[in-house]
Protein backbone atom coordinates (compact mmCIF):
# COMPACT_ATOMS: atom_id res chain seq x y z
CA MET A 1 36.69 -28.12 -12.04
CA LYS A 2 38.53 -31.35 -11.35
CA ALA A 3 42.32 -31.53 -11.08
CA HIS A 4 42.67 -33.81 -14.11
CA GLU A 5 40.77 -31.22 -16.18
CA LEU A 6 43.15 -28.52 -14.98
CA ARG A 7 46.20 -30.65 -15.78
CA SER A 8 45.10 -30.81 -19.43
CA MET A 9 45.34 -27.00 -19.68
CA ASN A 10 48.48 -25.12 -20.63
CA ARG A 11 50.23 -22.55 -18.42
CA ASP A 12 48.52 -19.50 -19.93
CA GLU A 13 45.07 -21.02 -19.47
CA LEU A 14 45.87 -21.87 -15.84
CA GLU A 15 47.07 -18.35 -15.12
CA GLU A 16 43.92 -16.92 -16.68
CA ARG A 17 41.81 -19.28 -14.56
CA VAL A 18 43.62 -18.09 -11.41
CA ARG A 19 42.87 -14.46 -12.35
CA GLU A 20 39.19 -15.27 -12.94
CA LEU A 21 38.85 -17.15 -9.66
CA ARG A 22 40.54 -14.40 -7.66
CA GLN A 23 38.17 -11.84 -9.19
CA GLU A 24 35.16 -14.07 -8.48
CA LEU A 25 36.27 -14.59 -4.88
CA PHE A 26 36.71 -10.83 -4.42
CA ASN A 27 33.20 -10.22 -5.76
CA LEU A 28 31.74 -12.93 -3.52
CA ARG A 29 33.44 -11.48 -0.44
CA PHE A 30 32.18 -8.02 -1.30
CA ARG A 31 28.61 -9.25 -1.75
CA GLY A 32 28.92 -11.29 1.44
CA THR A 33 29.72 -8.21 3.51
CA THR A 34 26.77 -6.32 2.06
CA GLN A 35 24.41 -9.27 2.74
CA GLN A 36 23.64 -9.80 -0.95
CA LEU A 37 25.16 -13.26 -1.26
CA ASP A 38 22.59 -15.73 -2.60
CA ASN A 39 24.63 -18.88 -2.14
CA PRO A 40 27.26 -18.79 0.64
CA LEU A 41 28.51 -22.23 -0.43
CA ARG A 42 29.78 -20.66 -3.66
CA MET A 43 32.51 -18.86 -1.69
CA ARG A 44 33.87 -22.17 -0.36
CA ILE A 45 33.76 -23.71 -3.83
CA ALA A 46 35.61 -20.73 -5.33
CA ARG A 47 38.31 -20.91 -2.63
CA ARG A 48 38.86 -24.61 -3.23
CA ASP A 49 38.91 -24.19 -7.01
CA LEU A 50 41.49 -21.43 -6.63
CA ALA A 51 43.68 -23.57 -4.36
CA ARG A 52 43.39 -26.54 -6.72
CA THR A 53 44.32 -24.40 -9.72
CA ILE A 54 47.33 -22.86 -7.95
CA THR A 55 48.47 -26.35 -6.91
CA VAL A 56 48.30 -27.65 -10.49
CA LEU A 57 50.13 -24.53 -11.69
CA ARG A 58 52.86 -25.18 -9.11
CA GLU A 59 53.11 -28.83 -10.21
CA PHE A 60 53.51 -27.56 -13.75
CA ASP A 61 56.35 -25.25 -12.61
CA LEU A 62 58.12 -28.08 -10.79
CA GLY A 63 57.73 -30.47 -13.71
CA LEU A 64 55.85 -33.05 -11.67
CA GLU A 65 53.93 -35.71 -13.50
CA ALA A 66 50.26 -36.35 -12.87
CA GLY A 67 49.55 -39.33 -10.68
CA THR A 68 49.17 -40.40 -7.13
CA PRO A 69 52.01 -40.08 -4.63
CA GLY A 70 54.11 -43.19 -4.36
CA GLU A 71 53.01 -44.49 -7.71
CA GLY A 72 55.75 -46.33 -9.54
CA SER A 73 57.97 -46.74 -6.49
């Protein structure tokens, strides 16, 4: 999911997305240790999606506006 799609969500939706991604990452790690992971790339994608979602949630907490750094200076 792209960052601009995440920024259109409200706080509750973002928190739910974080919970889902953490659960998915746990399941992927578990399957990875038991050699039942079909697509190892999915673990990287899940980690990045989780980080992106947490970042947008933090921006929401800080009241930052969407945009590129230095824009409007």
